[in-house]
Each structure stands twice: as structure tokens, then as C-alpha cells.
Amino acid sequence: MKIYRNINDFVAVENAIVTIGTFDGVHLGHQAILKKMIADAREINGETVVVTFYPHPRIVLHIDSSGLRFISNQDKKIQRLEQIGIDNLIIIEFTKEFSRTSSENFIKEYIVEKIKPAKLIVGYDHHFGKNRIGDFKLLYDLGQRFNFKVERVGAQDVENIAVSSTKIRKALEAGDVLKANKLLGYHYAICGKVVHGNEVGRTIGFPTANIETPNEYKLITAGGVYACRVDLNGETYDGMGNIGYRPTVANGELTVEVHIFNFDQEIYGEEICISFIDRIRDEHKFENLQALREQLEKDKVKAIEVLAKHPQQ
């Protein structure tokens, strides 16, 4: 996948099939659009072009940004778009000046003049341009004017639930990673560098890899104990993770840590990704470390049962 961080660097391709959006999480709804693009491009010997924005418009415009959280960070979004098979990714720097671009001018100056689309494919609720007033009808009219086709992909349902980033965020905030994963089409994950913790887990037979708390805009699923899988240096391991404040050995800071089963390697400084498969229980405070150890033994049994029902993707 070719990545352009300045649209002026983009070299127009033949029969460009284009979409526009922020694509947080690249969930099943997004994937339906992307797969449609790929299929259409193959039919006309064209290439797919995804246009996205960075930073997120709400951060730049300070629209409820204090509570803004993302399912995936920019690197993971790019990685997933590449895995799906997108040919070209254009990342437009979102600024206050850019935010004042009208819907019509955005399509004319950025999409038509720079990309020369054969077709534009969008989601069922797509809006664009200044104050997001651009909608499908305007796109269709502009397509007629500038000679490109426009298609809208309907909402994608999973178990009678229409997939959306908002619904996925709400599921994660409630700790329902099982539901979130179904809507995402893959396992929600938190990635980071392994750092030193207080090493209490090691003293009770459950050493954990603590990772740096992700950036302030990363959505951290609700606290608790989870059945997990851990990706490290191209290998995948089973484990159980904990998100929270570790009340039994409290230090007052939010931690994300994972105990990797049948694993005894020094991995400080390594980058790992923890995929959350299902939630086992809430975080509790125990009377002593022995009580905590006994509960962790039970948690491990439960985690192994859960992971057996969810083969590696």
C-alpha cells in the first residue's frame, strides 16, 4: 500500500475507486465499504484510494475532545487497511483552516482535481465538509457534475445490531469485549512497550508484563480480568490480562498487564499487543496476597476454557 501524507504528492491512477472517512477501528461496517472498493477496482482494472484525516477533526476543533477515545491508533489503522488490501492511502492533515473548506470545494479541489475518481463509495451515514453538511445527495449531484459514479453501502448488521464505531466504543466502555469483537470483526487490542512494574505477581507465581499506558486518546476497555492472547515478535501466546488499579497492591495508577501462560522470557522494552477475547470478572480487592493467588489460579482455569472456545484468528 502506498501512503501519501500530502495529497499533492499523490500521482493520479487509472480508474480510481475512492472512499473518505476517519475509519476508527476499521470495523465490519468499514470493511464492507473497503471490500466493495476492491471488488469494483478489479472489475475495471483500477486502484483503490482511501482518503482519511489526521489528527481527528474533533481534536483540532475541540469538539468534546476531553472525552474522545479511539478504538485503534493511527499506526494500527494503517496496518489494518494494508492487510485488507487497499492500494493507496492519502492522509490529509486536518487543520482549522482545512475545516473551513466547504463540502463542494472539498470534493472539487481535493477529490476531483487531485484524485480524478471513477467512483466514490461511502457508508450509509456519510457526511463531509464544513460542519459536516455534505451528504449523499450532494455527493450524487457532484458526481453528475464532475463525471464520477457514487455508491452508498448500507449498514452492516451483526446479530441484528447495526455496526458502528459508537456502539463498539460503548461495548468496550462496559467491558463487553465479546460484543465489541463481533462488531469489529477481529479482537480489540492494546499495544505497548513492556515496562517494569512492582513485580508483586512474580512473588506469587503469576509474573506479568506491564505495558506503557497508551496515549490519552486510546480507548481502554473497562477494568477487570480478561482472557487474552499476546503477540510478541511474530509469535502468539495465551494468557490472562488485568486492567485497573490493582486494589490489593494499590499504587493509584491505571495499569494494563498480562500474565502469559507457559512463558519465562525477559521481555522488558519489547513491544507487545494484548488482544482481549472475553472478560472473566471485575477487579477485586483481596485480604492478602495468598487470597489473590488463589483467585488467580481460578482465573487461569477460566481463561484457558474461554480461549479453547476462541481459536486464534
C-alpha atoms as a PDB file:
ATOM      1  CA  MET A   1       0.000   0.000   0.000  1.00  0.00           C
ATOM      2  CA  LYS A   2       1.298   3.423  -0.972  1.00  0.00           C
ATOM      3  CA  ILE A   3       0.906   6.035   1.755  1.00  0.00           C
ATOM      4  CA  TYR A   4       0.727   9.763   0.981  1.00  0.00           C
ATOM      5  CA  ARG A   5       0.857  12.238   3.852  1.00  0.00           C
ATOM      6  CA  ASN A   6       0.395  15.149   1.469  1.00  0.00           C
ATOM      7  CA  ILE A   7      -2.307  14.889  -1.183  1.00  0.00           C
ATOM      8  CA  ASN A   8      -0.152  16.975  -3.540  1.00  0.00           C
ATOM      9  CA  ASP A   9       2.281  14.051  -3.692  1.00  0.00           C
ATOM     10  CA  PHE A  10      -0.397  11.702  -4.968  1.00  0.00           C
ATOM     11  CA  VAL A  11       0.000  10.649  -8.584  1.00  0.00           C
ATOM     12  CA  ALA A  12      -3.423  10.055 -10.130  1.00  0.00           C
ATOM     13  CA  VAL A  13      -4.142   6.430 -11.065  1.00  0.00           C
ATOM     14  CA  GLU A  14      -6.414   4.978 -13.722  1.00  0.00           C
ATOM     15  CA  ASN A  15      -9.972   4.162 -12.642  1.00  0.00           C
ATOM     16  CA  ALA A  16      -9.611   5.233  -9.010  1.00  0.00           C
ATOM     17  CA  ILE A  17     -12.236   3.796  -6.653  1.00  0.00           C
ATOM     18  CA  VAL A  18     -12.301   6.197  -3.703  1.00  0.00           C
ATOM     19  CA  THR A  19     -13.723   6.413  -0.197  1.00  0.00           C
ATOM     20  CA  ILE A  20     -13.419   9.075   2.503  1.00  0.00           C
ATOM     21  CA  GLY A  21     -13.595   8.832   6.292  1.00  0.00           C
ATOM     22  CA  THR A  22     -11.836   8.561   9.636  1.00  0.00           C
ATOM     23  CA  PHE A  23     -12.301   4.761   9.871  1.00  0.00           C
ATOM     24  CA  ASP A  24     -11.746   4.416  13.613  1.00  0.00           C
ATOM     25  CA  GLY A  25     -11.372   0.720  14.329  1.00  0.00           C
ATOM     26  CA  VAL A  26     -11.753  -0.327  10.664  1.00  0.00           C
ATOM     27  CA  HIS A  27     -14.763  -2.371  11.835  1.00  0.00           C
ATOM     28  CA  LEU A  28     -17.086  -4.630   9.833  1.00  0.00           C
ATOM     29  CA  GLY A  29     -19.036  -1.650   8.503  1.00  0.00           C
ATOM     30  CA  HIS A  30     -15.846  -0.076   7.185  1.00  0.00           C
ATOM     31  CA  GLN A  31     -14.664  -3.427   5.865  1.00  0.00           C
ATOM     32  CA  ALA A  32     -17.827  -3.791   3.763  1.00  0.00           C
ATOM     33  CA  ILE A  33     -17.009  -0.493   2.038  1.00  0.00           C
ATOM     34  CA  LEU A  34     -13.354  -1.407   1.558  1.00  0.00           C
ATOM     35  CA  LYS A  35     -14.119  -4.857   0.141  1.00  0.00           C
ATOM     36  CA  LYS A  36     -16.663  -3.356  -2.244  1.00  0.00           C
ATOM     37  CA  MET A  37     -13.990  -0.914  -3.411  1.00  0.00           C
ATOM     38  CA  ILE A  38     -11.513  -3.715  -4.022  1.00  0.00           C
ATOM     39  CA  ALA A  39     -14.063  -5.776  -5.967  1.00  0.00           C
ATOM     40  CA  ASP A  40     -15.059  -2.802  -8.128  1.00  0.00           C
ATOM     41  CA  ALA A  41     -11.445  -1.846  -8.803  1.00  0.00           C
ATOM     42  CA  ARG A  42     -10.668  -5.366 -10.003  1.00  0.00           C
ATOM     43  CA  GLU A  43     -13.581  -5.261 -12.429  1.00  0.00           C
ATOM     44  CA  ILE A  44     -12.281  -2.146 -14.190  1.00  0.00           C
ATOM     45  CA  ASN A  45      -8.545  -2.704 -13.703  1.00  0.00           C
ATOM     46  CA  GLY A  46      -8.392   0.241 -11.316  1.00  0.00           C
ATOM     47  CA  GLU A  47      -6.907   1.026  -7.910  1.00  0.00           C
ATOM     48  CA  THR A  48      -8.439   1.748  -4.517  1.00  0.00           C
ATOM     49  CA  VAL A  49      -7.805   5.061  -2.778  1.00  0.00           C
ATOM     50  CA  VAL A  50      -8.726   5.718   0.861  1.00  0.00           C
ATOM     51  CA  VAL A  51      -8.754   9.351   1.991  1.00  0.00           C
ATOM     52  CA  THR A  52      -8.571   9.917   5.735  1.00  0.00           C
ATOM     53  CA  PHE A  53      -7.672  12.720   8.133  1.00  0.00           C
ATOM     54  CA  TYR A  54      -5.142  13.207  10.913  1.00  0.00           C
ATOM     55  CA  PRO A  55      -5.379  14.445  13.619  1.00  0.00           C
ATOM     56  CA  HIS A  56      -9.026  13.607  14.217  1.00  0.00           C
ATOM     57  CA  PRO A  57     -11.258  16.619  13.422  1.00  0.00           C
ATOM     58  CA  ARG A  58     -12.777  16.669  16.918  1.00  0.00           C
ATOM     59  CA  ILE A  59      -9.327  17.083  18.487  1.00  0.00           C
ATOM     60  CA  VAL A  60      -8.443  20.010  16.241  1.00  0.00           C
ATOM     61  CA  LEU A  61     -11.811  21.698  16.646  1.00  0.00           C
ATOM     62  CA  HIS A  62     -12.059  20.901  20.389  1.00  0.00           C
ATOM     63  CA  ILE A  63     -15.482  19.294  19.973  1.00  0.00           C
ATOM     64  CA  ASP A  64     -15.981  17.126  23.092  1.00  0.00           C
ATOM     65  CA  SER A  65     -12.326  16.152  22.733  1.00  0.00           C
ATOM     66  CA  SER A  66     -11.820  15.743  26.507  1.00  0.00           C
ATOM     67  CA  GLY A  67     -13.819  12.528  26.401  1.00  0.00           C
ATOM     68  CA  LEU A  68     -12.756  11.465  22.933  1.00  0.00           C
ATOM     69  CA  ARG A  69     -11.316   7.953  22.751  1.00  0.00           C
ATOM     70  CA  PHE A  70     -10.319   5.861  19.756  1.00  0.00           C
ATOM     71  CA  ILE A  71     -10.660   2.130  19.206  1.00  0.00           C
ATOM     72  CA  SER A  72      -7.342   1.991  17.363  1.00  0.00           C
ATOM     73  CA  ASN A  73      -4.414   4.332  16.922  1.00  0.00           C
ATOM     74  CA  GLN A  74      -3.176   5.693  13.602  1.00  0.00           C
ATOM     75  CA  ASP A  75      -0.499   3.020  13.110  1.00  0.00           C
ATOM     76  CA  LYS A  76      -2.930   0.162  13.695  1.00  0.00           C
ATOM     77  CA  LYS A  77      -5.499   1.734  11.370  1.00  0.00           C
ATOM     78  CA  ILE A  78      -2.893   1.978   8.619  1.00  0.00           C
ATOM     79  CA  GLN A  79      -1.782  -1.600   9.260  1.00  0.00           C
ATOM     80  CA  ARG A  80      -5.340  -2.925   9.013  1.00  0.00           C
ATOM     81  CA  LEU A  81      -6.065  -1.009   5.800  1.00  0.00           C
ATOM     82  CA  GLU A  82      -2.961  -2.546   4.287  1.00  0.00           C
ATOM     83  CA  GLN A  83      -3.925  -6.043   5.433  1.00  0.00           C
ATOM     84  CA  ILE A  84      -7.341  -5.668   3.814  1.00  0.00           C
ATOM     85  CA  GLY A  85      -5.646  -4.874   0.511  1.00  0.00           C
ATOM     86  CA  ILE A  86      -6.071  -1.142  -0.110  1.00  0.00           C
ATOM     87  CA  ASP A  87      -3.740   0.183  -2.823  1.00  0.00           C
ATOM     88  CA  ASN A  88      -3.378   3.847  -1.832  1.00  0.00           C
ATOM     89  CA  LEU A  89      -3.881   5.765   1.407  1.00  0.00           C
ATOM     90  CA  ILE A  90      -3.959   9.567   1.465  1.00  0.00           C
ATOM     91  CA  ILE A  91      -3.720  11.146   4.923  1.00  0.00           C
ATOM     92  CA  ILE A  92      -4.847  14.771   4.867  1.00  0.00           C
ATOM     93  CA  GLU A  93      -3.579  16.925   7.720  1.00  0.00           C
ATOM     94  CA  PHE A  94      -6.697  18.240   9.418  1.00  0.00           C
ATOM     95  CA  THR A  95      -6.279  21.862  10.482  1.00  0.00           C
ATOM     96  CA  LYS A  96      -8.662  24.639  11.476  1.00  0.00           C
ATOM     97  CA  GLU A  97      -8.061  26.221   8.091  1.00  0.00           C
ATOM     98  CA  PHE A  98      -8.918  22.957   6.310  1.00  0.00           C
ATOM     99  CA  SER A  99     -12.078  22.629   8.443  1.00  0.00           C
ATOM    100  CA  ARG A 100     -13.463  25.737   6.781  1.00  0.00           C
ATOM    101  CA  THR A 101     -13.451  24.058   3.353  1.00  0.00           C
ATOM    102  CA  SER A 102     -16.999  23.761   2.077  1.00  0.00           C
ATOM    103  CA  SER A 103     -18.366  20.345   1.145  1.00  0.00           C
ATOM    104  CA  GLU A 104     -18.476  21.221  -2.548  1.00  0.00           C
ATOM    105  CA  ASN A 105     -14.976  22.684  -2.612  1.00  0.00           C
ATOM    106  CA  PHE A 106     -13.581  19.668  -0.784  1.00  0.00           C
ATOM    107  CA  ILE A 107     -14.896  17.317  -3.451  1.00  0.00           C
ATOM    108  CA  LYS A 108     -13.849  19.597  -6.304  1.00  0.00           C
ATOM    109  CA  GLU A 109     -10.380  20.645  -5.090  1.00  0.00           C
ATOM    110  CA  TYR A 110      -9.247  17.525  -3.249  1.00  0.00           C
ATOM    111  CA  ILE A 111     -11.107  14.577  -4.730  1.00  0.00           C
ATOM    112  CA  VAL A 112     -11.845  15.540  -8.345  1.00  0.00           C
ATOM    113  CA  GLU A 113      -8.761  17.616  -9.160  1.00  0.00           C
ATOM    114  CA  LYS A 114      -6.203  15.580  -7.198  1.00  0.00           C
ATOM    115  CA  ILE A 115      -7.517  12.012  -7.443  1.00  0.00           C
ATOM    116  CA  LYS A 116      -9.806  12.022 -10.518  1.00  0.00           C
ATOM    117  CA  PRO A 117     -12.155   9.309  -9.229  1.00  0.00           C
ATOM    118  CA  ALA A 118     -14.060   6.915 -11.435  1.00  0.00           C
ATOM    119  CA  LYS A 119     -16.279   6.104  -8.485  1.00  0.00           C
ATOM    120  CA  LEU A 120     -16.797   7.205  -4.878  1.00  0.00           C
ATOM    121  CA  ILE A 121     -18.119   4.666  -2.372  1.00  0.00           C
ATOM    122  CA  VAL A 122     -19.318   5.796   1.069  1.00  0.00           C
ATOM    123  CA  GLY A 123     -21.157   4.463   4.101  1.00  0.00           C
ATOM    124  CA  TYR A 124     -24.874   4.834   4.709  1.00  0.00           C
ATOM    125  CA  ASP A 125     -24.424   7.783   7.124  1.00  0.00           C
ATOM    126  CA  HIS A 126     -21.517   9.572   5.472  1.00  0.00           C
ATOM    127  CA  HIS A 127     -21.217  13.359   5.932  1.00  0.00           C
ATOM    128  CA  PHE A 128     -18.337  15.612   4.941  1.00  0.00           C
ATOM    129  CA  GLY A 129     -17.066  19.158   4.520  1.00  0.00           C
ATOM    130  CA  LYS A 130     -17.521  22.230   6.705  1.00  0.00           C
ATOM    131  CA  ASN A 131     -19.855  21.454   9.628  1.00  0.00           C
ATOM    132  CA  ARG A 132     -20.398  18.024   8.017  1.00  0.00           C
ATOM    133  CA  ILE A 133     -23.264  19.348   5.931  1.00  0.00           C
ATOM    134  CA  GLY A 134     -22.269  17.357   2.835  1.00  0.00           C
ATOM    135  CA  ASP A 135     -24.421  14.241   2.406  1.00  0.00           C
ATOM    136  CA  PHE A 136     -25.126  11.502  -0.138  1.00  0.00           C
ATOM    137  CA  LYS A 137     -27.465  13.669  -2.223  1.00  0.00           C
ATOM    138  CA  LEU A 138     -24.782  16.340  -2.591  1.00  0.00           C
ATOM    139  CA  LEU A 139     -22.235  13.673  -3.490  1.00  0.00           C
ATOM    140  CA  TYR A 140     -24.558  12.269  -6.119  1.00  0.00           C
ATOM    141  CA  ASP A 141     -25.156  15.714  -7.601  1.00  0.00           C
ATOM    142  CA  LEU A 142     -21.426  16.428  -7.654  1.00  0.00           C
ATOM    143  CA  GLY A 143     -20.832  13.063  -9.290  1.00  0.00           C
ATOM    144  CA  GLN A 144     -23.205  14.036 -12.074  1.00  0.00           C
ATOM    145  CA  ARG A 145     -21.445  17.384 -12.429  1.00  0.00           C
ATOM    146  CA  PHE A 146     -17.866  16.088 -12.362  1.00  0.00           C
ATOM    147  CA  ASN A 147     -18.468  12.752 -14.078  1.00  0.00           C
ATOM    148  CA  PHE A 148     -17.852  10.158 -11.375  1.00  0.00           C
ATOM    149  CA  LYS A 149     -20.160   7.449 -10.046  1.00  0.00           C
ATOM    150  CA  VAL A 150     -21.361   7.426  -6.433  1.00  0.00           C
ATOM    151  CA  GLU A 151     -22.481   4.396  -4.424  1.00  0.00           C
ATOM    152  CA  ARG A 152     -23.652   4.037  -0.850  1.00  0.00           C
ATOM    153  CA  VAL A 153     -23.069   0.855   1.171  1.00  0.00           C
ATOM    154  CA  GLY A 154     -25.821   0.077   3.656  1.00  0.00           C
ATOM    155  CA  ALA A 155     -25.424  -0.567   7.388  1.00  0.00           C
ATOM    156  CA  GLN A 156     -23.868  -3.905   8.259  1.00  0.00           C
ATOM    157  CA  ASP A 157     -25.741  -5.975  10.847  1.00  0.00           C
ATOM    158  CA  VAL A 158     -24.228  -8.465  13.284  1.00  0.00           C
ATOM    159  CA  GLU A 159     -26.844 -10.404  15.271  1.00  0.00           C
ATOM    160  CA  ASN A 160     -29.398  -7.691  14.419  1.00  0.00           C
ATOM    161  CA  ILE A 161     -27.073  -4.900  15.612  1.00  0.00           C
ATOM    162  CA  ALA A 162     -26.070  -2.256  13.075  1.00  0.00           C
ATOM    163  CA  VAL A 163     -22.295  -1.916  13.251  1.00  0.00           C
ATOM    164  CA  SER A 164     -20.913   1.497  14.215  1.00  0.00           C
ATOM    165  CA  SER A 165     -17.832   2.867  15.959  1.00  0.00           C
ATOM    166  CA  THR A 166     -20.107   4.384  18.629  1.00  0.00           C
ATOM    167  CA  LYS A 167     -21.633   1.012  19.514  1.00  0.00           C
ATOM    168  CA  ILE A 168     -18.214  -0.579  19.676  1.00  0.00           C
ATOM    169  CA  ARG A 169     -16.932   2.146  21.996  1.00  0.00           C
ATOM    170  CA  LYS A 170     -19.934   1.706  24.303  1.00  0.00           C
ATOM    171  CA  ALA A 171     -19.379  -2.051  24.427  1.00  0.00           C
ATOM    172  CA  LEU A 172     -15.716  -1.562  25.348  1.00  0.00           C
ATOM    173  CA  GLU A 173     -16.553   1.017  27.997  1.00  0.00           C
ATOM    174  CA  ALA A 174     -18.831  -1.620  29.565  1.00  0.00           C
ATOM    175  CA  GLY A 175     -16.126  -4.288  29.325  1.00  0.00           C
ATOM    176  CA  ASP A 176     -18.130  -6.291  26.792  1.00  0.00           C
ATOM    177  CA  VAL A 177     -15.204  -7.156  24.548  1.00  0.00           C
ATOM    178  CA  LEU A 178     -17.058 -10.193  23.233  1.00  0.00           C
ATOM    179  CA  LYS A 179     -19.686  -7.921  21.655  1.00  0.00           C
ATOM    180  CA  ALA A 180     -17.085  -5.379  20.535  1.00  0.00           C
ATOM    181  CA  ASN A 181     -15.047  -8.096  18.829  1.00  0.00           C
ATOM    182  CA  LYS A 182     -18.087  -9.325  16.895  1.00  0.00           C
ATOM    183  CA  LEU A 183     -18.741  -5.814  15.587  1.00  0.00           C
ATOM    184  CA  LEU A 184     -15.078  -5.195  14.828  1.00  0.00           C
ATOM    185  CA  GLY A 185     -14.562  -8.476  13.007  1.00  0.00           C
ATOM    186  CA  TYR A 186     -11.332  -9.014  14.941  1.00  0.00           C
ATOM    187  CA  HIS A 187     -10.109  -8.852  18.537  1.00  0.00           C
ATOM    188  CA  TYR A 188      -9.791  -5.477  20.287  1.00  0.00           C
ATOM    189  CA  ALA A 189      -6.184  -4.971  21.368  1.00  0.00           C
ATOM    190  CA  ILE A 190      -3.916  -2.702  23.380  1.00  0.00           C
ATOM    191  CA  CYS A 191      -0.286  -2.488  22.304  1.00  0.00           C
ATOM    192  CA  GLY A 192       2.700  -1.019  24.064  1.00  0.00           C
ATOM    193  CA  LYS A 193       6.228  -1.405  25.346  1.00  0.00           C
ATOM    194  CA  VAL A 194       6.830  -3.715  28.319  1.00  0.00           C
ATOM    195  CA  VAL A 195       7.957  -1.715  31.347  1.00  0.00           C
ATOM    196  CA  HIS A 196       8.935  -2.510  34.919  1.00  0.00           C
ATOM    197  CA  GLY A 197       6.113  -2.893  37.440  1.00  0.00           C
ATOM    198  CA  ASN A 198       6.226  -3.600  41.161  1.00  0.00           C
ATOM    199  CA  GLU A 199       6.816  -7.318  40.421  1.00  0.00           C
ATOM    200  CA  VAL A 200       4.348  -8.494  43.082  1.00  0.00           C
ATOM    201  CA  GLY A 201       2.903 -11.013  40.620  1.00  0.00           C
ATOM    202  CA  ARG A 202       6.267 -12.715  40.351  1.00  0.00           C
ATOM    203  CA  THR A 203       6.304 -13.401  44.102  1.00  0.00           C
ATOM    204  CA  ILE A 204       3.005 -15.327  43.941  1.00  0.00           C
ATOM    205  CA  GLY A 205       3.711 -17.299  40.786  1.00  0.00           C
ATOM    206  CA  PHE A 206       1.931 -15.001  38.340  1.00  0.00           C
ATOM    207  CA  PRO A 207       4.528 -12.706  36.770  1.00  0.00           C
ATOM    208  CA  THR A 208       3.019 -10.112  34.472  1.00  0.00           C
ATOM    209  CA  ALA A 209       4.190  -7.992  31.587  1.00  0.00           C
ATOM    210  CA  ASN A 210       3.156  -4.405  32.275  1.00  0.00           C
ATOM    211  CA  ILE A 211       2.843  -2.167  29.256  1.00  0.00           C
ATOM    212  CA  GLU A 212       3.079   1.575  28.995  1.00  0.00           C
ATOM    213  CA  THR A 213      -0.337   3.146  29.283  1.00  0.00           C
ATOM    214  CA  PRO A 214      -1.295   4.054  25.694  1.00  0.00           C
ATOM    215  CA  ASN A 215      -1.734   7.669  24.612  1.00  0.00           C
ATOM    216  CA  GLU A 216      -4.537   9.696  26.178  1.00  0.00           C
ATOM    217  CA  TYR A 217      -6.925   9.132  23.270  1.00  0.00           C
ATOM    218  CA  LYS A 218      -6.729   5.318  23.211  1.00  0.00           C
ATOM    219  CA  LEU A 219      -9.947   3.743  24.460  1.00  0.00           C
ATOM    220  CA  ILE A 220      -9.124   1.382  27.332  1.00  0.00           C
ATOM    221  CA  THR A 221     -11.830  -1.205  27.918  1.00  0.00           C
ATOM    222  CA  ALA A 222     -13.414  -1.400  31.384  1.00  0.00           C
ATOM    223  CA  GLY A 223     -11.318  -2.644  34.286  1.00  0.00           C
ATOM    224  CA  GLY A 224     -11.251  -6.330  35.129  1.00  0.00           C
ATOM    225  CA  VAL A 225      -9.625  -9.655  34.353  1.00  0.00           C
ATOM    226  CA  TYR A 226      -9.696 -10.923  30.765  1.00  0.00           C
ATOM    227  CA  ALA A 227      -8.799 -13.995  28.754  1.00  0.00           C
ATOM    228  CA  CYS A 228      -6.169 -12.733  26.303  1.00  0.00           C
ATOM    229  CA  ARG A 229      -3.773 -13.530  23.550  1.00  0.00           C
ATOM    230  CA  VAL A 230      -0.410 -11.850  23.303  1.00  0.00           C
ATOM    231  CA  ASP A 231       1.537 -11.128  20.111  1.00  0.00           C
ATOM    232  CA  LEU A 232       5.282 -10.860  20.597  1.00  0.00           C
ATOM    233  CA  ASN A 233       7.946 -10.981  17.891  1.00  0.00           C
ATOM    234  CA  GLY A 234       5.724 -12.841  15.445  1.00  0.00           C
ATOM    235  CA  GLU A 235       4.539 -15.418  17.987  1.00  0.00           C
ATOM    236  CA  THR A 236       1.140 -15.626  19.696  1.00  0.00           C
ATOM    237  CA  TYR A 237       0.703 -16.792  23.291  1.00  0.00           C
ATOM    238  CA  ASP A 238      -2.287 -17.439  25.527  1.00  0.00           C
ATOM    239  CA  GLY A 239      -2.645 -15.503  28.756  1.00  0.00           C
ATOM    240  CA  MET A 240      -4.871 -13.512  31.068  1.00  0.00           C
ATOM    241  CA  GLY A 241      -4.777  -9.765  31.433  1.00  0.00           C
ATOM    242  CA  ASN A 242      -5.765  -7.237  34.037  1.00  0.00           C
ATOM    243  CA  ILE A 243      -6.827  -3.635  33.542  1.00  0.00           C
ATOM    244  CA  GLY A 244      -7.279  -1.456  36.586  1.00  0.00           C
ATOM    245  CA  TYR A 245      -5.710  -0.095  39.718  1.00  0.00           C
ATOM    246  CA  ARG A 246      -4.703  -3.375  41.406  1.00  0.00           C
ATOM    247  CA  PRO A 247      -6.512  -2.612  44.693  1.00  0.00           C
ATOM    248  CA  THR A 248      -4.775  -5.406  46.621  1.00  0.00           C
ATOM    249  CA  VAL A 249      -1.365  -3.846  45.963  1.00  0.00           C
ATOM    250  CA  ALA A 250      -2.662  -0.388  45.013  1.00  0.00           C
ATOM    251  CA  ASN A 251      -0.403   2.336  43.722  1.00  0.00           C
ATOM    252  CA  GLY A 252      -3.209   4.527  42.432  1.00  0.00           C
ATOM    253  CA  GLU A 253      -2.233   4.298  38.760  1.00  0.00           C
ATOM    254  CA  LEU A 254      -4.106   2.624  35.931  1.00  0.00           C
ATOM    255  CA  THR A 255      -2.206  -0.421  34.736  1.00  0.00           C
ATOM    256  CA  VAL A 256      -2.504  -2.745  31.768  1.00  0.00           C
ATOM    257  CA  GLU A 257      -0.736  -6.040  32.401  1.00  0.00           C
ATOM    258  CA  VAL A 258      -0.827  -9.622  31.206  1.00  0.00           C
ATOM    259  CA  HIS A 259       0.294 -12.956  32.598  1.00  0.00           C
ATOM    260  CA  ILE A 260       1.485 -15.077  29.670  1.00  0.00           C
ATOM    261  CA  PHE A 261       0.917 -18.809  30.138  1.00  0.00           C
ATOM    262  CA  ASN A 262       3.924 -21.159  29.935  1.00  0.00           C
ATOM    263  CA  PHE A 263       6.283 -18.285  29.302  1.00  0.00           C
ATOM    264  CA  ASP A 264       9.553 -17.401  31.006  1.00  0.00           C
ATOM    265  CA  GLN A 265      11.460 -14.818  28.991  1.00  0.00           C
ATOM    266  CA  GLU A 266      12.861 -11.389  29.804  1.00  0.00           C
ATOM    267  CA  ILE A 267      10.917  -9.000  27.554  1.00  0.00           C
ATOM    268  CA  TYR A 268      11.403  -5.548  29.115  1.00  0.00           C
ATOM    269  CA  GLY A 269      11.490  -2.969  26.356  1.00  0.00           C
ATOM    270  CA  GLU A 270       9.781  -5.266  23.858  1.00  0.00           C
ATOM    271  CA  GLU A 271       6.618  -4.194  22.025  1.00  0.00           C
ATOM    272  CA  ILE A 272       3.649  -6.492  22.615  1.00  0.00           C
ATOM    273  CA  CYS A 273      -0.016  -6.453  21.636  1.00  0.00           C
ATOM    274  CA  ILE A 274      -2.628  -7.809  24.042  1.00  0.00           C
ATOM    275  CA  SER A 275      -5.828  -8.984  22.329  1.00  0.00           C
ATOM    276  CA  PHE A 276      -8.813  -9.198  24.663  1.00  0.00           C
ATOM    277  CA  ILE A 277     -11.002 -12.235  23.985  1.00  0.00           C
ATOM    278  CA  ASP A 278     -13.550 -12.136  26.829  1.00  0.00           C
ATOM    279  CA  ARG A 279     -13.974 -10.655  30.290  1.00  0.00           C
ATOM    280  CA  ILE A 280     -13.731 -13.065  33.228  1.00  0.00           C
ATOM    281  CA  ARG A 281     -14.543 -10.884  36.224  1.00  0.00           C
ATOM    282  CA  ASP A 282     -14.410  -7.472  37.852  1.00  0.00           C
ATOM    283  CA  GLU A 283     -11.295  -6.280  39.638  1.00  0.00           C
ATOM    284  CA  HIS A 284     -11.487  -7.006  43.396  1.00  0.00           C
ATOM    285  CA  LYS A 285      -9.507  -6.190  46.491  1.00  0.00           C
ATOM    286  CA  PHE A 286      -8.322  -9.272  48.402  1.00  0.00           C
ATOM    287  CA  GLU A 287      -7.398  -9.593  52.073  1.00  0.00           C
ATOM    288  CA  ASN A 288      -3.868 -10.720  51.312  1.00  0.00           C
ATOM    289  CA  LEU A 289      -1.595 -11.995  48.563  1.00  0.00           C
ATOM    290  CA  GLN A 290      -2.480 -15.612  49.288  1.00  0.00           C
ATOM    291  CA  ALA A 291      -6.164 -14.908  48.638  1.00  0.00           C
ATOM    292  CA  LEU A 292      -5.190 -13.094  45.448  1.00  0.00           C
ATOM    293  CA  ARG A 293      -3.079 -16.054  44.329  1.00  0.00           C
ATOM    294  CA  GLU A 294      -5.957 -18.485  44.905  1.00  0.00           C
ATOM    295  CA  GLN A 295      -8.273 -16.347  42.823  1.00  0.00           C
ATOM    296  CA  LEU A 296      -5.706 -16.056  40.046  1.00  0.00           C
ATOM    297  CA  GLU A 297      -5.495 -19.843  39.904  1.00  0.00           C
ATOM    298  CA  LYS A 298      -9.257 -19.932  39.308  1.00  0.00           C
ATOM    299  CA  ASP A 299      -8.991 -17.140  36.759  1.00  0.00           C
ATOM    300  CA  LYS A 300      -6.360 -19.077  34.844  1.00  0.00           C
ATOM    301  CA  VAL A 301      -8.595 -22.143  34.598  1.00  0.00           C
ATOM    302  CA  LYS A 302     -11.439 -19.964  33.343  1.00  0.00           C
ATOM    303  CA  ALA A 303      -9.198 -18.158  30.867  1.00  0.00           C
ATOM    304  CA  ILE A 304      -7.984 -21.455  29.400  1.00  0.00           C
ATOM    305  CA  GLU A 305     -11.617 -22.573  28.983  1.00  0.00           C
ATOM    306  CA  VAL A 306     -12.527 -19.314  27.229  1.00  0.00           C
ATOM    307  CA  LEU A 307      -9.516 -19.399  24.900  1.00  0.00           C
ATOM    308  CA  ALA A 308     -10.285 -23.009  23.919  1.00  0.00           C
ATOM    309  CA  LYS A 309     -13.646 -21.757  22.585  1.00  0.00           C
ATOM    310  CA  HIS A 310     -11.996 -18.990  20.575  1.00  0.00           C
ATOM    311  CA  PRO A 311      -9.297 -20.360  18.255  1.00  0.00           C
ATOM    312  CA  GLN A 312      -6.581 -17.985  17.104  1.00  0.00           C
ATOM    313  CA  GLN A 313      -7.604 -15.812  14.162  1.00  0.00           C
END
